[in-house]
Amino acid sequence: MPYTIHKQTLQPMDVQEIMVPEGAEMLSAREQFDHVCVWYRCNPTNRLQPRRLAIVGTGNPAPDESGRFLGTAALHGGQLMFHVFEQVRD
């Protein structure tokens, strides 16, 4: 099966897990319709696995293990800026 691009809307919380197909490649994070979203490339037939994401507002403490930066979402006309990281597990 060919790879496809998928999107998930994130919850407004500091750290969360989302379920994505195994081997998914996180591409980017940004706002869409006043929500923080992530896009990833995957084989949708692969079994699902959890991925841990952190959302950090500008000026707020970042987690010790920020991980790989995915992008910034500007909400409410740029009044709120959120930076999204994928936290890699060992």
PDB file of N, CA and C in Angstrom:
ATOM      1  N   MET A   1       0.847  -1.184   0.000  1.00  0.00           N
ATOM      2  CA  MET A   1       0.000   0.000   0.000  1.00  0.00           C
ATOM      3  C   MET A   1       0.888   1.242   0.000  1.00  0.00           C
ATOM      4  N   PRO A   2       0.521   2.251  -0.778  1.00  0.00           N
ATOM      5  CA  PRO A   2       1.334   3.475  -0.813  1.00  0.00           C
ATOM      6  C   PRO A   2       1.198   4.279   0.477  1.00  0.00           C
ATOM      7  N   TYR A   3       2.215   5.067   0.745  1.00  0.00           N
ATOM      8  CA  TYR A   3       2.185   5.966   1.896  1.00  0.00           C
ATOM      9  C   TYR A   3       1.204   7.095   1.617  1.00  0.00           C
ATOM     10  N   THR A   4       0.586   7.587   2.679  1.00  0.00           N
ATOM     11  CA  THR A   4      -0.339   8.714   2.567  1.00  0.00           C
ATOM     12  C   THR A   4      -0.043   9.712   3.686  1.00  0.00           C
ATOM     13  N   ILE A   5      -0.543  10.918   3.507  1.00  0.00           N
ATOM     14  CA  ILE A   5      -0.387  11.971   4.516  1.00  0.00           C
ATOM     15  C   ILE A   5      -1.663  12.004   5.358  1.00  0.00           C
ATOM     16  N   HIS A   6      -1.486  12.008   6.668  1.00  0.00           N
ATOM     17  CA  HIS A   6      -2.610  12.073   7.598  1.00  0.00           C
ATOM     18  C   HIS A   6      -2.414  13.235   8.560  1.00  0.00           C
ATOM     19  N   LYS A   7      -3.516  13.649   9.194  1.00  0.00           N
ATOM     20  CA  LYS A   7      -3.491  14.770  10.138  1.00  0.00           C
ATOM     21  C   LYS A   7      -4.213  14.348  11.404  1.00  0.00           C
ATOM     22  N   GLN A   8      -3.725  14.848  12.540  1.00  0.00           N
ATOM     23  CA  GLN A   8      -4.447  14.705  13.799  1.00  0.00           C
ATOM     24  C   GLN A   8      -4.485  16.057  14.492  1.00  0.00           C
ATOM     25  N   THR A   9      -5.636  16.376  15.068  1.00  0.00           N
ATOM     26  CA  THR A   9      -5.785  17.574  15.873  1.00  0.00           C
ATOM     27  C   THR A   9      -5.369  17.238  17.299  1.00  0.00           C
ATOM     28  N   LEU A  10      -4.514  18.062  17.876  1.00  0.00           N
ATOM     29  CA  LEU A  10      -4.018  17.818  19.225  1.00  0.00           C
ATOM     30  C   LEU A  10      -4.945  18.417  20.266  1.00  0.00           C
ATOM     31  N   GLN A  11      -4.916  17.833  21.442  1.00  0.00           N
ATOM     32  CA  GLN A  11      -5.675  18.346  22.574  1.00  0.00           C
ATOM     33  C   GLN A  11      -4.903  19.514  23.201  1.00  0.00           C
ATOM     34  N   PRO A  12      -5.583  20.473  23.813  1.00  0.00           N
ATOM     35  CA  PRO A  12      -4.887  21.606  24.436  1.00  0.00           C
ATOM     36  C   PRO A  12      -4.292  21.207  25.789  1.00  0.00           C
ATOM     37  N   MET A  13      -3.223  20.401  25.742  1.00  0.00           N
ATOM     38  CA  MET A  13      -2.542  19.969  26.957  1.00  0.00           C
ATOM     39  C   MET A  13      -1.045  19.935  26.713  1.00  0.00           C
ATOM     40  N   ASP A  14      -0.267  20.018  27.800  1.00  0.00           N
ATOM     41  CA  ASP A  14       1.195  20.112  27.680  1.00  0.00           C
ATOM     42  C   ASP A  14       1.822  18.903  27.013  1.00  0.00           C
ATOM     43  N   VAL A  15       1.454  17.699  27.462  1.00  0.00           N
ATOM     44  CA  VAL A  15       2.023  16.465  26.922  1.00  0.00           C
ATOM     45  C   VAL A  15       0.884  15.496  26.643  1.00  0.00           C
ATOM     46  N   GLN A  16       0.962  14.818  25.503  1.00  0.00           N
ATOM     47  CA  GLN A  16      -0.067  13.855  25.155  1.00  0.00           C
ATOM     48  C   GLN A  16       0.488  12.780  24.252  1.00  0.00           C
ATOM     49  N   GLU A  17      -0.210  11.667  24.186  1.00  0.00           N
ATOM     50  CA  GLU A  17       0.137  10.596  23.263  1.00  0.00           C
ATOM     51  C   GLU A  17      -0.943  10.528  22.200  1.00  0.00           C
ATOM     52  N   ILE A  18      -0.501  10.351  20.963  1.00  0.00           N
ATOM     53  CA  ILE A  18      -1.434  10.114  19.873  1.00  0.00           C
ATOM     54  C   ILE A  18      -1.088   8.756  19.286  1.00  0.00           C
ATOM     55  N   MET A  19      -2.056   8.120  18.672  1.00  0.00           N
ATOM     56  CA  MET A  19      -1.838   6.829  18.044  1.00  0.00           C
ATOM     57  C   MET A  19      -1.676   7.037  16.542  1.00  0.00           C
ATOM     58  N   VAL A  20      -0.559   6.546  16.020  1.00  0.00           N
ATOM     59  CA  VAL A  20      -0.275   6.653  14.590  1.00  0.00           C
ATOM     60  C   VAL A  20       0.209   5.293  14.094  1.00  0.00           C
ATOM     61  N   PRO A  21       0.111   5.021  12.794  1.00  0.00           N
ATOM     62  CA  PRO A  21       0.614   3.756  12.277  1.00  0.00           C
ATOM     63  C   PRO A  21       2.122   3.621  12.507  1.00  0.00           C
ATOM     64  N   GLU A  22       2.554   2.415  12.822  1.00  0.00           N
ATOM     65  CA  GLU A  22       3.971   2.136  13.059  1.00  0.00           C
ATOM     66  C   GLU A  22       4.801   2.626  11.876  1.00  0.00           C
ATOM     67  N   GLY A  23       5.918   3.273  12.190  1.00  0.00           N
ATOM     68  CA  GLY A  23       6.809   3.792  11.155  1.00  0.00           C
ATOM     69  C   GLY A  23       6.414   5.148  10.607  1.00  0.00           C
ATOM     70  N   ALA A  24       5.383   5.778  11.172  1.00  0.00           N
ATOM     71  CA  ALA A  24       4.938   7.083  10.673  1.00  0.00           C
ATOM     72  C   ALA A  24       6.062   8.105  10.802  1.00  0.00           C
ATOM     73  N   GLU A  25       6.171   8.953   9.807  1.00  0.00           N
ATOM     74  CA  GLU A  25       7.168  10.033   9.799  1.00  0.00           C
ATOM     75  C   GLU A  25       6.453  11.346  10.084  1.00  0.00           C
ATOM     76  N   MET A  26       6.754  11.951  11.233  1.00  0.00           N
ATOM     77  CA  MET A  26       6.148  13.235  11.575  1.00  0.00           C
ATOM     78  C   MET A  26       6.708  14.300  10.633  1.00  0.00           C
ATOM     79  N   LEU A  27       5.821  15.051   9.994  1.00  0.00           N
ATOM     80  CA  LEU A  27       6.234  16.042   9.006  1.00  0.00           C
ATOM     81  C   LEU A  27       6.213  17.465   9.542  1.00  0.00           C
ATOM     82  N   SER A  28       5.099  17.858  10.154  1.00  0.00           N
ATOM     83  CA  SER A  28       4.999  19.240  10.616  1.00  0.00           C
ATOM     84  C   SER A  28       3.864  19.408  11.609  1.00  0.00           C
ATOM     85  N   ALA A  29       3.890  20.547  12.275  1.00  0.00           N
ATOM     86  CA  ALA A  29       2.820  20.952  13.187  1.00  0.00           C
ATOM     87  C   ALA A  29       2.552  22.427  12.945  1.00  0.00           C
ATOM     88  N   ARG A  30       1.287  22.795  12.996  1.00  0.00           N
ATOM     89  CA  ARG A  30       0.876  24.190  12.866  1.00  0.00           C
ATOM     90  C   ARG A  30      -0.604  24.296  13.190  1.00  0.00           C
ATOM     91  N   GLU A  31      -1.156  25.491  13.045  1.00  0.00           N
ATOM     92  CA  GLU A  31      -2.558  25.688  13.341  1.00  0.00           C
ATOM     93  C   GLU A  31      -3.410  25.414  12.106  1.00  0.00           C
ATOM     94  N   GLN A  32      -4.631  24.984  12.369  1.00  0.00           N
ATOM     95  CA  GLN A  32      -5.651  24.892  11.329  1.00  0.00           C
ATOM     96  C   GLN A  32      -6.994  25.114  12.006  1.00  0.00           C
ATOM     97  N   PHE A  33      -7.716  26.128  11.576  1.00  0.00           N
ATOM     98  CA  PHE A  33      -9.026  26.454  12.152  1.00  0.00           C
ATOM     99  C   PHE A  33      -8.952  26.614  13.670  1.00  0.00           C
ATOM    100  N   ASP A  34      -7.928  27.309  14.135  1.00  0.00           N
ATOM    101  CA  ASP A  34      -7.741  27.618  15.558  1.00  0.00           C
ATOM    102  C   ASP A  34      -7.501  26.386  16.436  1.00  0.00           C
ATOM    103  N   HIS A  35      -6.927  25.345  15.847  1.00  0.00           N
ATOM    104  CA  HIS A  35      -6.508  24.156  16.580  1.00  0.00           C
ATOM    105  C   HIS A  35      -5.062  23.854  16.218  1.00  0.00           C
ATOM    106  N   VAL A  36      -4.335  23.213  17.132  1.00  0.00           N
ATOM    107  CA  VAL A  36      -2.974  22.773  16.854  1.00  0.00           C
ATOM    108  C   VAL A  36      -3.076  21.373  16.237  1.00  0.00           C
ATOM    109  N   CYS A  37      -2.453  21.185  15.083  1.00  0.00           N
ATOM    110  CA  CYS A  37      -2.520  19.917  14.355  1.00  0.00           C
ATOM    111  C   CYS A  37      -1.122  19.437  13.992  1.00  0.00           C
ATOM    112  N   VAL A  38      -0.988  18.122  13.794  1.00  0.00           N
ATOM    113  CA  VAL A  38       0.243  17.534  13.266  1.00  0.00           C
ATOM    114  C   VAL A  38      -0.100  16.749  12.011  1.00  0.00           C
ATOM    115  N   TRP A  39       0.844  16.749  11.074  1.00  0.00           N
ATOM    116  CA  TRP A  39       0.720  15.973   9.853  1.00  0.00           C
ATOM    117  C   TRP A  39       1.846  14.954   9.814  1.00  0.00           C
ATOM    118  N   TYR A  40       1.536  13.769   9.314  1.00  0.00           N
ATOM    119  CA  TYR A  40       2.537  12.706   9.234  1.00  0.00           C
ATOM    120  C   TYR A  40       2.295  11.854   7.990  1.00  0.00           C
ATOM    121  N   ARG A  41       3.376  11.254   7.521  1.00  0.00           N
ATOM    122  CA  ARG A  41       3.337  10.345   6.365  1.00  0.00           C
ATOM    123  C   ARG A  41       3.384   8.932   6.911  1.00  0.00           C
ATOM    124  N   CYS A  42       2.507   8.063   6.405  1.00  0.00           N
ATOM    125  CA  CYS A  42       2.460   6.717   6.971  1.00  0.00           C
ATOM    126  C   CYS A  42       1.871   5.716   5.984  1.00  0.00           C
ATOM    127  N   ASN A  43       2.047   4.455   6.339  1.00  0.00           N
ATOM    128  CA  ASN A  43       1.315   3.380   5.696  1.00  0.00           C
ATOM    129  C   ASN A  43       0.120   3.107   6.602  1.00  0.00           C
ATOM    130  N   PRO A  44      -1.087   3.482   6.204  1.00  0.00           N
ATOM    131  CA  PRO A  44      -2.235   3.395   7.106  1.00  0.00           C
ATOM    132  C   PRO A  44      -2.631   1.964   7.475  1.00  0.00           C
ATOM    133  N   THR A  45      -2.064   0.967   6.814  1.00  0.00           N
ATOM    134  CA  THR A  45      -2.393  -0.416   7.155  1.00  0.00           C
ATOM    135  C   THR A  45      -1.512  -0.962   8.281  1.00  0.00           C
ATOM    136  N   ASN A  46      -0.459  -0.226   8.662  1.00  0.00           N
ATOM    137  CA  ASN A  46       0.398  -0.669   9.765  1.00  0.00           C
ATOM    138  C   ASN A  46      -0.362  -0.579  11.082  1.00  0.00           C
ATOM    139  N   ARG A  47       0.055  -1.413  12.038  1.00  0.00           N
ATOM    140  CA  ARG A  47      -0.604  -1.373  13.349  1.00  0.00           C
ATOM    141  C   ARG A  47      -0.301  -0.048  14.039  1.00  0.00           C
ATOM    142  N   LEU A  48      -1.187   0.377  14.907  1.00  0.00           N
ATOM    143  CA  LEU A  48      -1.032   1.666  15.591  1.00  0.00           C
ATOM    144  C   LEU A  48      -0.056   1.558  16.756  1.00  0.00           C
ATOM    145  N   GLN A  49       0.654   2.653  16.972  1.00  0.00           N
ATOM    146  CA  GLN A  49       1.574   2.757  18.108  1.00  0.00           C
ATOM    147  C   GLN A  49       1.474   4.166  18.674  1.00  0.00           C
ATOM    148  N   PRO A  50       1.776   4.325  19.965  1.00  0.00           N
ATOM    149  CA  PRO A  50       1.698   5.664  20.560  1.00  0.00           C
ATOM    150  C   PRO A  50       2.925   6.510  20.234  1.00  0.00           C
ATOM    151  N   ARG A  51       2.702   7.808  20.059  1.00  0.00           N
ATOM    152  CA  ARG A  51       3.782   8.784  19.919  1.00  0.00           C
ATOM    153  C   ARG A  51       3.482   9.886  20.919  1.00  0.00           C
ATOM    154  N   ARG A  52       4.523  10.369  21.589  1.00  0.00           N
ATOM    155  CA  ARG A  52       4.374  11.370  22.647  1.00  0.00           C
ATOM    156  C   ARG A  52       4.747  12.745  22.099  1.00  0.00           C
ATOM    157  N   LEU A  53       3.828  13.700  22.269  1.00  0.00           N
ATOM    158  CA  LEU A  53       4.035  15.057  21.783  1.00  0.00           C
ATOM    159  C   LEU A  53       3.922  16.038  22.937  1.00  0.00           C
ATOM    160  N   ALA A  54       4.723  17.096  22.889  1.00  0.00           N
ATOM    161  CA  ALA A  54       4.666  18.173  23.877  1.00  0.00           C
ATOM    162  C   ALA A  54       4.310  19.472  23.172  1.00  0.00           C
ATOM    163  N   ILE A  55       3.435  20.246  23.785  1.00  0.00           N
ATOM    164  CA  ILE A  55       3.074  21.568  23.284  1.00  0.00           C
ATOM    165  C   ILE A  55       3.533  22.578  24.324  1.00  0.00           C
ATOM    166  N   VAL A  56       4.374  23.520  23.897  1.00  0.00           N
ATOM    167  CA  VAL A  56       4.961  24.498  24.813  1.00  0.00           C
ATOM    168  C   VAL A  56       4.611  25.902  24.328  1.00  0.00           C
ATOM    169  N   GLY A  57       3.955  26.671  25.173  1.00  0.00           N
ATOM    170  CA  GLY A  57       3.659  28.056  24.831  1.00  0.00           C
ATOM    171  C   GLY A  57       4.888  28.925  24.992  1.00  0.00           C
ATOM    172  N   THR A  58       4.993  29.954  24.173  1.00  0.00           N
ATOM    173  CA  THR A  58       6.114  30.883  24.277  1.00  0.00           C
ATOM    174  C   THR A  58       6.169  31.457  25.690  1.00  0.00           C
ATOM    175  N   GLY A  59       7.371  31.433  26.291  1.00  0.00           N
ATOM    176  CA  GLY A  59       7.573  31.953  27.636  1.00  0.00           C
ATOM    177  C   GLY A  59       7.305  30.952  28.738  1.00  0.00           C
ATOM    178  N   ASN A  60       6.831  29.760  28.386  1.00  0.00           N
ATOM    179  CA  ASN A  60       6.569  28.719  29.378  1.00  0.00           C
ATOM    180  C   ASN A  60       7.737  27.755  29.442  1.00  0.00           C
ATOM    181  N   PRO A  61       7.913  27.087  30.585  1.00  0.00           N
ATOM    182  CA  PRO A  61       9.012  26.124  30.696  1.00  0.00           C
ATOM    183  C   PRO A  61       8.832  24.974  29.700  1.00  0.00           C
ATOM    184  N   ALA A  62       9.916  24.627  29.045  1.00  0.00           N
ATOM    185  CA  ALA A  62       9.905  23.497  28.110  1.00  0.00           C
ATOM    186  C   ALA A  62      10.270  22.236  28.871  1.00  0.00           C
ATOM    187  N   PRO A  63       9.722  21.094  28.455  1.00  0.00           N
ATOM    188  CA  PRO A  63      10.105  19.844  29.109  1.00  0.00           C
ATOM    189  C   PRO A  63      11.615  19.622  28.992  1.00  0.00           C
ATOM    190  N   ASP A  64      12.197  18.926  29.982  1.00  0.00           N
ATOM    191  CA  ASP A  64      13.634  18.647  29.943  1.00  0.00           C
ATOM    192  C   ASP A  64      14.022  17.917  28.669  1.00  0.00           C
ATOM    193  N   GLU A  65      13.151  17.047  28.216  1.00  0.00           N
ATOM    194  CA  GLU A  65      13.406  16.282  27.001  1.00  0.00           C
ATOM    195  C   GLU A  65      12.477  16.783  25.911  1.00  0.00           C
ATOM    196  N   SER A  66      12.785  17.968  25.359  1.00  0.00           N
ATOM    197  CA  SER A  66      11.891  18.584  24.374  1.00  0.00           C
ATOM    198  C   SER A  66      11.708  17.714  23.144  1.00  0.00           C
ATOM    199  N   GLY A  67      12.773  17.076  22.676  1.00  0.00           N
ATOM    200  CA  GLY A  67      12.655  16.222  21.501  1.00  0.00           C
ATOM    201  C   GLY A  67      12.801  16.985  20.205  1.00  0.00           C
ATOM    202  N   ARG A  68      12.253  16.403  19.151  1.00  0.00           N
ATOM    203  CA  ARG A  68      12.389  16.967  17.807  1.00  0.00           C
ATOM    204  C   ARG A  68      11.299  18.004  17.567  1.00  0.00           C
ATOM    205  N   PHE A  69      11.704  19.208  17.179  1.00  0.00           N
ATOM    206  CA  PHE A  69      10.777  20.302  16.899  1.00  0.00           C
ATOM    207  C   PHE A  69       9.997  19.997  15.628  1.00  0.00           C
ATOM    208  N   LEU A  70       8.659  20.103  15.695  1.00  0.00           N
ATOM    209  CA  LEU A  70       7.808  19.844  14.533  1.00  0.00           C
ATOM    210  C   LEU A  70       7.239  21.108  13.913  1.00  0.00           C
ATOM    211  N   GLY A  71       7.076  22.166  14.727  1.00  0.00           N
ATOM    212  CA  GLY A  71       6.545  23.396  14.170  1.00  0.00           C
ATOM    213  C   GLY A  71       5.885  24.259  15.227  1.00  0.00           C
ATOM    214  N   THR A  72       5.441  25.441  14.785  1.00  0.00           N
ATOM    215  CA  THR A  72       4.806  26.416  15.671  1.00  0.00           C
ATOM    216  C   THR A  72       3.409  26.722  15.155  1.00  0.00           C
ATOM    217  N   ALA A  73       2.456  26.791  16.083  1.00  0.00           N
ATOM    218  CA  ALA A  73       1.073  27.120  15.758  1.00  0.00           C
ATOM    219  C   ALA A  73       0.741  28.476  16.358  1.00  0.00           C
ATOM    220  N   ALA A  74       0.194  29.361  15.538  1.00  0.00           N
ATOM    221  CA  ALA A  74      -0.219  30.698  15.986  1.00  0.00           C
ATOM    222  C   ALA A  74      -1.741  30.713  16.079  1.00  0.00           C
ATOM    223  N   LEU A  75      -2.251  30.807  17.307  1.00  0.00           N
ATOM    224  CA  LEU A  75      -3.701  30.802  17.505  1.00  0.00           C
ATOM    225  C   LEU A  75      -4.199  32.196  17.867  1.00  0.00           C
ATOM    226  N   HIS A  76      -5.481  32.419  17.624  1.00  0.00           N
ATOM    227  CA  HIS A  76      -6.146  33.685  17.940  1.00  0.00           C
ATOM    228  C   HIS A  76      -5.400  34.873  17.329  1.00  0.00           C
ATOM    229  N   GLY A  77      -5.150  34.768  16.041  1.00  0.00           N
ATOM    230  CA  GLY A  77      -4.504  35.856  15.322  1.00  0.00           C
ATOM    231  C   GLY A  77      -3.069  36.111  15.743  1.00  0.00           C
ATOM    232  N   GLY A  78      -2.404  35.093  16.280  1.00  0.00           N
ATOM    233  CA  GLY A  78      -1.016  35.229  16.697  1.00  0.00           C
ATOM    234  C   GLY A  78      -0.845  35.660  18.146  1.00  0.00           C
ATOM    235  N   GLN A  79      -1.947  35.788  18.877  1.00  0.00           N
ATOM    236  CA  GLN A  79      -1.848  36.165  20.288  1.00  0.00           C
ATOM    237  C   GLN A  79      -1.261  35.042  21.133  1.00  0.00           C
ATOM    238  N   LEU A  80      -1.486  33.792  20.718  1.00  0.00           N
ATOM    239  CA  LEU A  80      -0.944  32.629  21.422  1.00  0.00           C
ATOM    240  C   LEU A  80      -0.063  31.839  20.473  1.00  0.00           C
ATOM    241  N   MET A  81       1.171  31.584  20.894  1.00  0.00           N
ATOM    242  CA  MET A  81       2.121  30.832  20.072  1.00  0.00           C
ATOM    243  C   MET A  81       2.475  29.535  20.789  1.00  0.00           C
ATOM    244  N   PHE A  82       2.268  28.413  20.116  1.00  0.00           N
ATOM    245  CA  PHE A  82       2.557  27.104  20.686  1.00  0.00           C
ATOM    246  C   PHE A  82       3.573  26.370  19.812  1.00  0.00           C
ATOM    247  N   HIS A  83       4.562  25.769  20.454  1.00  0.00           N
ATOM    248  CA  HIS A  83       5.647  25.075  19.770  1.00  0.00           C
ATOM    249  C   HIS A  83       5.509  23.582  20.068  1.00  0.00           C
ATOM    250  N   VAL A  84       5.509  22.760  19.026  1.00  0.00           N
ATOM    251  CA  VAL A  84       5.215  21.332  19.160  1.00  0.00           C
ATOM    252  C   VAL A  84       6.497  20.527  18.963  1.00  0.00           C
ATOM    253  N   PHE A  85       6.725  19.590  19.890  1.00  0.00           N
ATOM    254  CA  PHE A  85       7.890  18.702  19.860  1.00  0.00           C
ATOM    255  C   PHE A  85       7.429  17.256  19.947  1.00  0.00           C
ATOM    256  N   GLU A  86       8.109  16.380  19.206  1.00  0.00           N
ATOM    257  CA  GLU A  86       7.906  14.949  19.390  1.00  0.00           C
ATOM    258  C   GLU A  86       8.947  14.477  20.391  1.00  0.00           C
ATOM    259  N   GLN A  87       8.499  13.888  21.476  1.00  0.00           N
ATOM    260  CA  GLN A  87       9.419  13.404  22.501  1.00  0.00           C
ATOM    261  C   GLN A  87       9.816  11.971  22.180  1.00  0.00           C
ATOM    262  N   VAL A  88      11.090  11.779  21.903  1.00  0.00           N
ATOM    263  CA  VAL A  88      11.599  10.467  21.499  1.00  0.00           C
ATOM    264  C   VAL A  88      11.896   9.643  22.754  1.00  0.00           C
ATOM    265  N   ARG A  89      11.447   8.407  22.727  1.00  0.00           N
ATOM    266  CA  ARG A  89      11.686   7.502  23.860  1.00  0.00           C
ATOM    267  C   ARG A  89      12.878   6.616  23.562  1.00  0.00           C
ATOM    268  N   ASP A  90      13.618   6.291  24.614  1.00  0.00           N
ATOM    269  CA  ASP A  90      14.753   5.383  24.453  1.00  0.00           C
ATOM    270  C   ASP A  90      14.319   3.948  24.532  1.00  0.00           C
TER     271      ASP A  90
END
